[in-house]
Protein backbone atom coordinates (compact mmCIF):
# COMPACT_ATOMS: atom_id res chain seq x y z
CA MET A 1 -22.47 36.52 -3.09
CA LYS A 2 -21.17 39.54 -1.19
CA LYS A 3 -18.19 41.02 -2.98
CA GLU A 4 -15.05 42.24 -1.26
CA GLN A 5 -14.19 45.94 -1.36
CA PRO A 6 -12.01 47.05 -4.30
CA ILE A 7 -8.38 46.25 -3.53
CA THR A 8 -7.42 49.64 -2.09
CA LYS A 9 -6.43 48.17 1.28
CA ASN A 10 -3.67 45.76 2.13
CA VAL A 11 -4.37 42.21 3.27
CA TYR A 12 -3.82 43.05 6.92
CA GLU A 13 -6.46 45.79 6.84
CA LEU A 14 -8.91 43.49 5.05
CA ALA A 15 -8.29 40.79 7.66
CA GLN A 16 -9.05 43.32 10.41
CA GLU A 17 -12.38 44.11 8.77
CA ARG A 18 -13.21 40.40 8.72
CA LEU A 19 -12.34 40.11 12.41
CA ASP A 20 -14.68 43.06 13.10
CA ILE A 21 -17.51 41.08 11.53
CA ILE A 22 -16.61 37.84 13.31
CA PHE A 23 -16.32 39.35 16.79
CA LYS A 24 -19.61 41.24 16.36
CA GLU A 25 -21.61 38.36 14.90
CA PHE A 26 -20.40 35.31 16.87
CA ASP A 27 -20.62 34.78 20.61
CA ASN A 28 -18.35 31.70 20.53
CA ILE A 29 -15.06 31.95 18.63
CA TYR A 30 -12.05 29.67 18.54
CA VAL A 31 -8.90 29.43 16.42
CA SER A 32 -7.61 26.19 14.94
CA PHE A 33 -3.92 26.44 15.86
CA SER A 34 -1.35 23.92 14.57
CA GLY A 35 1.81 25.80 15.54
CA GLY A 36 2.53 26.61 11.90
CA LYS A 37 3.07 30.00 10.30
CA ASP A 38 -0.48 30.59 9.03
CA SER A 39 -2.39 29.55 12.14
CA GLY A 40 0.23 31.38 14.21
CA ILE A 41 -0.36 34.62 12.32
CA LEU A 42 -4.11 34.24 12.71
CA LEU A 43 -3.93 33.54 16.45
CA ASN A 44 -1.54 36.44 17.07
CA MET A 45 -3.87 38.72 15.12
CA CYS A 46 -6.85 37.66 17.23
CA ILE A 47 -4.92 38.12 20.47
CA ASP A 48 -3.91 41.62 19.38
CA TYR A 49 -7.48 42.37 18.34
CA ILE A 50 -8.88 41.43 21.77
CA ARG A 51 -6.25 43.43 23.61
CA LYS A 52 -6.44 46.47 21.33
CA HIS A 53 -10.23 46.70 21.57
CA LYS A 54 -10.22 45.79 25.28
CA LEU A 55 -12.84 43.13 24.73
CA ASN A 56 -14.24 41.52 27.83
CA ARG A 57 -14.13 38.03 26.37
CA LYS A 58 -11.80 35.12 25.76
CA ILE A 59 -11.09 33.23 22.58
CA GLY A 60 -10.77 29.47 22.29
CA VAL A 61 -7.68 27.78 20.86
CA TYR A 62 -8.07 24.32 19.36
CA HIS A 63 -4.74 22.52 19.08
CA MET A 64 -4.64 18.96 17.73
CA ASP A 65 -1.52 17.56 19.35
CA TYR A 66 -0.33 14.72 17.10
CA GLU A 67 2.23 13.47 19.66
CA VAL A 68 5.02 13.40 17.02
CA GLN A 69 6.06 16.98 16.41
CA TYR A 70 9.25 19.01 16.33
CA LYS A 71 10.27 20.12 19.81
CA MET A 72 10.42 23.69 18.47
CA THR A 73 6.76 23.45 17.50
CA ILE A 74 5.83 22.19 20.97
CA ASP A 75 7.90 24.97 22.59
CA TYR A 76 6.18 27.60 20.41
CA VAL A 77 2.72 26.31 21.28
CA ASP A 78 3.62 26.32 24.99
CA ARG A 79 4.99 29.89 24.77
CA ILE A 80 1.86 31.25 23.10
CA PHE A 81 -0.40 29.52 25.61
CA GLU A 82 1.57 30.70 28.64
CA ALA A 83 1.97 34.31 27.46
CA ASN A 84 -1.75 34.73 26.74
CA LYS A 85 -3.45 32.46 29.24
CA ASP A 86 -5.49 35.42 30.56
CA ILE A 87 -7.51 35.62 27.33
CA LEU A 88 -7.25 32.08 25.92
CA GLU A 89 -9.43 29.05 26.53
CA ILE A 90 -7.12 26.21 25.55
CA TYR A 91 -8.28 22.89 24.08
CA ARG A 92 -5.18 20.76 23.65
CA ILE A 93 -6.48 17.63 21.97
CA CYS A 94 -4.56 14.41 22.62
CA VAL A 95 -6.98 11.84 21.25
CA PRO A 96 -6.18 8.55 19.45
CA PHE A 97 -8.07 9.30 16.24
CA ARG A 98 -6.87 7.86 12.96
CA VAL A 99 -4.22 9.87 11.10
CA ALA A 100 -3.19 9.03 7.54
CA THR A 101 0.38 7.88 6.92
CA SER A 102 2.32 7.42 3.68
CA THR A 103 5.41 5.82 5.17
CA SER A 104 4.41 2.20 4.74
CA MET A 105 2.61 -0.22 2.47
CA TYR A 106 1.45 -2.12 5.55
CA GLN A 107 -0.05 0.75 7.51
CA SER A 108 -2.42 3.35 6.06
CA TYR A 109 -3.02 5.15 9.36
CA TRP A 110 -1.66 5.45 12.89
CA ARG A 111 -3.07 6.72 16.19
CA PRO A 112 -1.32 9.35 18.30
CA TRP A 113 -1.59 8.87 22.06
CA GLU A 114 -2.88 5.31 21.68
CA GLU A 115 -3.16 3.93 25.20
CA ASP A 116 -2.06 0.41 24.22
CA LYS A 117 1.19 1.84 22.87
CA LYS A 118 1.97 4.14 25.78
CA ASP A 119 5.44 2.62 26.17
CA MET A 120 6.19 3.73 22.59
CA TRP A 121 4.94 7.31 22.88
CA VAL A 122 7.42 9.83 21.51
CA ARG A 123 6.84 12.12 24.50
CA GLU A 124 4.83 12.42 27.69
CA LEU A 125 1.26 13.60 27.62
CA PRO A 126 1.37 17.43 27.87
CA LYS A 127 -0.03 19.37 30.79
CA TYR A 128 -3.78 20.04 30.65
CA ALA A 129 -4.22 17.65 27.72
CA MET A 130 -7.77 16.72 26.73
CA THR A 131 -8.01 12.98 26.10
CA ALA A 132 -10.72 10.68 24.76
CA ASP A 133 -12.23 10.61 28.27
CA ASN A 134 -13.22 14.27 27.80
CA PHE A 135 -15.26 13.49 24.72
CA PRO A 136 -18.06 10.95 25.25
CA GLY A 137 -18.91 10.99 21.54
CA PHE A 138 -15.44 9.93 20.40
CA LYS A 139 -15.38 6.68 18.41
CA GLN A 140 -12.39 4.56 17.44
CA ASP A 141 -13.18 4.77 13.71
CA MET A 142 -12.93 8.58 13.71
CA TRP A 143 -10.25 10.18 11.55
CA ASP A 144 -8.66 13.43 12.62
CA TYR A 145 -10.84 15.42 10.19
CA ASP A 146 -13.98 13.66 11.53
CA PHE A 147 -13.00 14.72 15.04
CA GLN A 148 -12.75 18.36 13.98
CA ILE A 149 -16.42 18.30 12.97
CA TYR A 150 -17.33 16.52 16.19
CA PHE A 151 -15.37 19.04 18.29
CA ALA A 152 -17.12 22.03 16.72
CA ASP A 153 -20.51 20.61 17.68
CA TRP A 154 -19.25 19.54 21.12
CA LEU A 155 -17.94 23.03 21.91
CA HIS A 156 -21.03 24.74 20.50
CA ARG A 157 -23.27 22.73 22.83
CA LYS A 158 -20.89 23.03 25.79
CA LYS A 159 -20.91 26.83 25.47
CA LYS A 160 -24.65 26.95 24.77
CA ALA A 161 -23.71 29.33 22.01
CA SER A 162 -26.01 31.12 19.61
CA ARG A 163 -23.40 31.10 16.84
CA THR A 164 -19.96 29.47 16.79
CA CYS A 165 -17.09 30.38 14.49
CA CYS A 166 -13.89 28.39 13.99
CA LEU A 167 -11.11 30.53 12.51
CA VAL A 168 -8.85 28.57 10.16
CA GLY A 169 -5.55 29.91 8.81
CA ILE A 170 -5.59 28.71 5.21
CA ARG A 171 -4.43 30.70 2.20
CA THR A 172 -5.52 30.11 -1.41
CA GLN A 173 -1.90 30.44 -2.54
CA GLU A 174 -1.08 27.15 -0.83
CA SER A 175 -3.05 24.78 -3.07
CA PHE A 176 -5.88 24.42 -5.55
CA ASN A 177 -7.96 22.60 -2.92
CA ARG A 178 -7.72 25.63 -0.66
CA TRP A 179 -8.66 27.91 -3.54
CA ARG A 180 -11.74 25.76 -4.16
CA CYS A 181 -12.58 25.87 -0.44
CA ILE A 182 -13.02 29.64 -0.79
CA TYR A 183 -14.28 30.21 -4.30
CA GLN A 184 -16.42 27.11 -4.89
CA THR A 185 -18.36 26.97 -1.64
CA PRO A 186 -22.11 26.96 -2.45
CA LYS A 187 -23.80 30.27 -1.62
CA VAL A 188 -26.23 28.55 0.72
CA LEU A 189 -23.32 27.56 3.01
CA LEU A 190 -21.89 31.08 3.32
CA TYR A 191 -22.51 33.30 6.32
CA HIS A 192 -24.31 36.36 4.96
CA ARG A 193 -22.71 35.63 1.56
CA TYR A 194 -19.15 36.31 2.78
CA ILE A 195 -16.94 34.18 0.54
CA TRP A 196 -14.43 33.58 3.36
CA THR A 197 -16.95 31.62 5.44
CA CYS A 198 -18.46 28.14 5.23
CA LYS A 199 -21.26 26.54 7.23
CA ILE A 200 -20.24 23.21 8.75
CA ASN A 201 -23.21 22.62 11.06
CA ASN A 202 -26.33 24.43 12.16
CA ASP A 203 -25.17 27.83 13.54
CA ILE A 204 -21.53 26.70 13.27
CA TYR A 205 -19.19 28.18 10.66
CA ASN A 206 -15.58 28.09 9.56
CA ALA A 207 -14.01 31.43 8.67
CA TYR A 208 -10.79 32.05 6.73
CA PRO A 209 -9.72 35.65 7.48
CA ILE A 210 -6.28 35.40 5.81
CA TYR A 211 -7.32 33.48 2.70
CA ASP A 212 -5.89 36.18 0.38
CA TRP A 213 -2.49 36.48 2.09
CA ARG A 214 0.72 35.39 0.44
CA THR A 215 3.65 33.70 2.18
CA THR A 216 5.62 36.94 2.12
CA ASP A 217 2.73 38.74 3.86
CA VAL A 218 3.00 36.28 6.74
CA TRP A 219 6.65 37.04 7.36
CA VAL A 220 6.22 40.81 6.86
CA ALA A 221 3.51 40.76 9.56
CA ASN A 222 5.69 38.74 11.96
CA GLY A 223 8.51 41.23 11.50
CA LYS A 224 6.40 44.38 11.63
CA PHE A 225 4.35 43.47 14.70
CA LYS A 226 7.11 41.55 16.52
CA TRP A 227 4.89 38.50 16.87
CA ASP A 228 6.28 35.31 18.30
CA TYR A 229 6.58 32.52 15.73
CA ASN A 230 7.78 28.95 15.40
CA HIS A 231 11.60 29.15 15.15
CA LEU A 232 11.60 25.86 13.30
CA TYR A 233 11.19 28.04 10.20
CA ASP A 234 14.59 29.61 10.86
CA LEU A 235 16.18 26.15 10.68
CA TYR A 236 14.15 25.30 7.58
CA TYR A 237 15.60 28.41 5.96
CA LYS A 238 19.15 27.47 6.94
CA ALA A 239 18.55 23.99 5.54
CA GLY A 240 17.70 25.52 2.16
CA VAL A 241 13.94 24.88 2.21
CA SER A 242 12.11 27.56 0.21
CA ILE A 243 9.59 29.65 2.16
CA GLU A 244 6.72 28.28 0.04
CA ARG A 245 7.59 24.67 0.99
CA MET A 246 8.02 25.20 4.73
CA ARG A 247 5.23 23.28 6.47
CA VAL A 248 4.39 22.23 10.00
CA ALA A 249 2.16 19.16 9.76
CA SER A 250 1.87 15.57 10.86
CA PRO A 251 5.25 14.19 9.63
CA PHE A 252 3.85 11.02 8.08
CA ILE A 253 1.32 12.41 5.61
CA SER A 254 2.24 12.42 1.91
CA GLU A 255 2.87 16.19 1.81
CA ALA A 256 5.53 15.88 4.55
CA ILE A 257 7.47 12.83 3.34
CA GLU A 258 10.01 14.77 1.28
CA SER A 259 11.15 16.72 4.36
CA LEU A 260 10.87 13.84 6.84
CA ALA A 261 14.65 13.32 6.83
CA LEU A 262 15.13 16.81 8.31
CA TYR A 263 14.02 15.43 11.68
CA LYS A 264 17.37 13.63 11.92
CA ALA A 265 19.31 16.88 11.83
CA ILE A 266 16.87 19.31 13.43
CA ASP A 267 15.46 17.19 16.26
CA PRO A 268 17.54 14.00 16.64
CA ASN A 269 16.06 13.07 20.03
CA THR A 270 12.55 13.04 18.60
CA TRP A 271 13.77 11.20 15.50
CA GLY A 272 15.22 8.40 17.62
CA ARG A 273 11.76 7.71 19.04
CA MET A 274 9.88 8.23 15.76
CA ILE A 275 11.46 5.37 13.87
CA GLY A 276 9.92 2.84 16.23
CA ARG A 277 6.56 4.59 16.45
CA VAL A 278 5.17 4.21 12.91
CA ASN A 279 6.01 1.53 10.36
CA GLY A 280 8.36 2.53 7.53
CA VAL A 281 9.51 5.89 8.89
CA ASN A 282 13.24 5.28 8.39
CA PHE A 283 12.74 4.00 4.82
CA ALA A 284 10.55 7.00 4.00
CA ALA A 285 13.21 9.37 5.35
CA ILE A 286 15.95 7.76 3.25
CA TYR A 287 14.01 7.36 0.01
CA GLY A 288 11.14 9.80 0.45
CA SER A 289 12.58 12.34 -1.97
CA SER A 290 14.09 9.85 -4.42
CA HIS A 291 13.10 7.92 -7.54
CA ALA A 292 12.20 4.95 -5.32
CA THR A 293 9.07 6.74 -4.15
CA ALA A 294 8.40 8.47 -7.49
CA ARG A 295 9.17 11.92 -6.10
CA HIS A 296 11.17 12.76 -9.18
CA ARG A 297 11.06 11.50 -12.75
CA ILE A 298 9.96 7.88 -12.75
CA LYS A 299 11.22 5.47 -15.44
CA LEU A 300 9.40 2.39 -16.67
CA PRO A 301 11.44 -0.80 -16.06
CA LYS A 302 12.53 -2.64 -19.19
CA GLY A 303 10.03 -5.20 -20.48
CA TYR A 304 7.00 -3.65 -18.76
CA THR A 305 4.06 -1.51 -19.79
CA TRP A 306 2.76 0.90 -17.17
CA LYS A 307 -0.28 -1.35 -16.71
CA SER A 308 1.80 -4.50 -16.23
CA PHE A 309 4.18 -2.60 -13.93
CA MET A 310 1.18 -1.48 -11.88
CA PHE A 311 0.05 -5.09 -11.44
CA PHE A 312 3.59 -6.09 -10.51
CA LEU A 313 3.68 -3.41 -7.81
CA LEU A 314 0.26 -4.51 -6.57
CA SER A 315 1.48 -8.10 -6.32
CA THR A 316 4.15 -7.01 -3.81
CA LEU A 317 1.63 -5.47 -1.42
CA PRO A 318 -0.26 -7.00 1.52
CA GLU A 319 -3.71 -8.19 0.47
CA GLU A 320 -5.66 -5.50 2.33
CA THR A 321 -3.53 -2.71 0.86
CA ARG A 322 -3.68 -4.21 -2.64
CA ASN A 323 -7.46 -4.50 -2.50
CA GLY A 324 -7.72 -0.89 -1.41
CA TYR A 325 -5.88 0.30 -4.51
CA LEU A 326 -7.90 -2.03 -6.76
CA ARG A 327 -11.19 -0.68 -5.38
CA ARG A 328 -10.13 2.87 -6.11
CA LEU A 329 -8.91 1.93 -9.57
CA ASP A 330 -12.25 0.25 -10.33
CA VAL A 331 -14.15 3.37 -9.22
CA SER A 332 -11.94 5.59 -11.37
CA ILE A 333 -12.15 3.42 -14.52
CA LYS A 334 -15.96 3.31 -14.31
CA PHE A 335 -16.10 7.06 -13.69
CA TRP A 336 -14.04 7.92 -16.78
CA ARG A 337 -15.97 5.46 -18.96
CA THR A 338 -19.48 6.47 -17.88
CA LYS A 339 -19.49 10.03 -16.50
CA GLY A 340 -16.19 11.42 -17.71
CA GLY A 341 -13.78 13.89 -16.19
CA CYS A 342 -14.10 17.62 -16.86
CA LEU A 343 -11.32 18.95 -19.10
CA SER A 344 -10.63 22.32 -20.68
CA ASN A 345 -10.89 22.92 -24.43
CA GLU A 346 -7.11 23.20 -24.57
CA VAL A 347 -6.58 19.78 -23.00
CA ILE A 348 -9.30 18.24 -25.17
CA GLN A 349 -7.56 19.53 -28.28
CA LYS A 350 -4.28 18.02 -27.13
CA LEU A 351 -6.01 14.64 -26.77
CA ILE A 352 -7.50 14.99 -30.25
CA ASP A 353 -4.12 15.94 -31.72
CA ALA A 354 -2.61 12.85 -30.07
CA LYS A 355 -5.36 10.75 -31.75
CA ILE A 356 -6.61 9.45 -28.41
CA PRO A 357 -10.20 8.09 -28.59
CA ILE A 358 -12.47 10.30 -26.50
CA GLU A 359 -16.17 11.15 -26.25
CA ILE A 360 -17.00 14.76 -25.43
CA VAL A 361 -20.23 15.31 -23.47
CA ASP A 362 -22.06 18.63 -23.85
CA LYS A 363 -23.49 19.00 -20.36
CA SER A 364 -22.03 18.63 -16.90
CA ASN A 365 -23.61 18.43 -13.44
CA TYR A 366 -20.80 20.67 -12.19
CA LYS A 367 -20.68 24.45 -12.49
CA THR A 368 -17.76 24.70 -14.89
CA THR A 369 -16.86 25.86 -18.37
CA LYS A 370 -15.01 22.59 -18.91
CA HIS A 371 -16.52 19.63 -20.74
CA PRO A 372 -16.95 16.06 -19.45
CA VAL A 373 -14.76 13.70 -21.46
CA ARG A 374 -15.30 9.94 -21.48
CA MET A 375 -12.25 7.83 -22.17
CA ASP A 376 -10.36 4.69 -21.24
CA TYR A 377 -7.26 4.61 -19.10
CA LEU A 378 -4.06 5.37 -20.99
CA GLU A 379 -0.57 4.03 -20.46
CA ASP A 380 1.00 7.50 -20.23
CA ILE A 381 0.68 10.90 -21.88
CA ASP A 382 3.31 13.59 -22.39
CA ILE A 383 1.42 16.82 -21.80
CA ALA A 384 1.67 19.49 -19.11
CA GLU A 385 -1.77 18.48 -17.80
CA PHE A 386 -0.59 14.92 -17.10
CA LYS A 387 -2.26 14.89 -13.68
CA GLU A 388 -5.68 15.54 -15.20
CA ILE A 389 -5.65 12.44 -17.42
CA PRO A 390 -6.33 8.85 -16.22
CA THR A 391 -3.16 6.83 -16.77
CA TYR A 392 -1.67 3.67 -15.32
CA LYS A 393 1.54 5.62 -14.78
CA ARG A 394 -0.22 7.85 -12.25
CA MET A 395 -1.48 4.78 -10.45
CA CYS A 396 2.07 3.45 -10.26
CA ILE A 397 3.14 6.74 -8.70
CA CYS A 398 0.41 6.41 -6.04
CA ILE A 399 1.59 2.90 -5.14
CA LEU A 400 5.26 3.88 -4.98
CA ARG A 401 4.40 6.83 -2.73
CA ASN A 402 2.22 4.73 -0.40
CA ASP A 403 -0.55 7.14 -1.31
CA HIS A 404 -3.31 4.92 0.10
CA ALA A 405 -5.99 7.55 -0.52
CA CYS A 406 -4.72 8.08 -4.09
CA LYS A 407 -4.74 11.86 -3.70
CA TYR A 408 -2.28 12.10 -6.58
CA MET A 409 -4.92 10.52 -8.82
CA GLY A 410 -7.77 12.66 -7.55
CA PHE A 411 -9.88 9.50 -7.27
CA SER A 412 -13.56 9.57 -6.41
CA PRO A 413 -14.51 8.15 -3.00
CA THR A 414 -14.93 4.38 -2.78
CA LYS A 415 -18.15 2.73 -1.61
CA GLU A 416 -16.52 2.13 1.77
CA GLU A 417 -15.67 5.83 2.15
CA ILE A 418 -19.14 6.90 1.05
CA SER A 419 -20.58 4.52 3.63
CA LYS A 420 -18.38 6.05 6.36
CA LYS A 421 -19.45 9.56 5.31
CA ASN A 422 -23.12 8.52 5.44
CA LYS A 423 -22.61 7.17 8.96
CA ILE A 424 -21.12 10.51 10.04
CA MET A 425 -24.04 12.39 8.47
CA GLU A 426 -26.44 10.04 10.27
CA ASN A 427 -24.74 10.72 13.61
CA TYR A 428 -25.13 14.47 13.13
CA LYS A 429 -28.47 14.59 11.32
CA HIS A 430 -30.10 16.23 14.36
CA ILE A 431 -27.82 19.22 13.77
CA TRP A 432 -29.00 19.80 10.19
CA ARG A 433 -32.70 19.82 11.02
């Protein structure tokens, strides 16, 4: 694995070196641009790079327009596109793929720009939008993340490119999953062993030039270089949202529920249309940061165990939703009983001290210093590593949060999800040959 230079340069200078490599090595480059602070920084940096080096080329901009967004985000996207239309090739995606939602027990996903619900759209289709008609390979069972893979291949073939690179503005500071995306990518999937790259298809790569930036670096760069940015962040700041928690994302995913109520104050016109667009939005806004959705300390009702409370909560759900949770629970219970989850020595010792029956396995199929531990589900456990241990309390939290994918539990994929993944791999097997 190719190592970075010793940290004698700042993150901006290191990002410039990565752009040097990208613009020299790839003939087709596009930026995944959400309108948020990280993708905005990355796009502004690429625009400056092209202008500074007087490159005789354009750069693509891939913007997934989720229909329901803050007006300030839409205005920012429009400003960037208009101000740099001489060097940008714009792909404004307005496609009715599936998007996860955590606002309702009845609805696990919704579709932006769904033609059958045109009378309910939050806003008009934007100018130069690319719809499903532009993509012959689009299928109704595609999720938004499936479409991203499809688009990369579609653009690669459309451009007849030798090598395609999608620039993604993620930072390892944001989450453990993003850290793993950088530091646990198999060497075989790296481009020339650069740890900030990842192969997604044959001759198609993702690159993460600002993976080592911190939130403060983003705002220092905006101030120093006078880059345009989404002024929604100014209102977030005035509303008391910390800079680490300011996000621009689809408003109905689990990570956005706590701030969903801000739409009422910041963008009331959009809010008025949102509440009729997706099931449960108003309830999620009212209770999304309360005990009712387990966002703070959750208490066990009198007369219940966590297991019996879980089954009570399941009994209140629609059959399809209930069965979805039960399938995931079954997968997780079997996993912990047969394979075991990887835990550190410190956590293992805490389980031993608590006299919890466990079986420690010496070897693991994963590259880790942790040890697989087989065990049964617990009611609850009072340790800092609560989220690493299988408990019925965690399952209750998933249900209360309408976390249909059970991200909070870190569940393994269900058979249905594995089947869907296999279908996607089958569709694109010609690419891997």
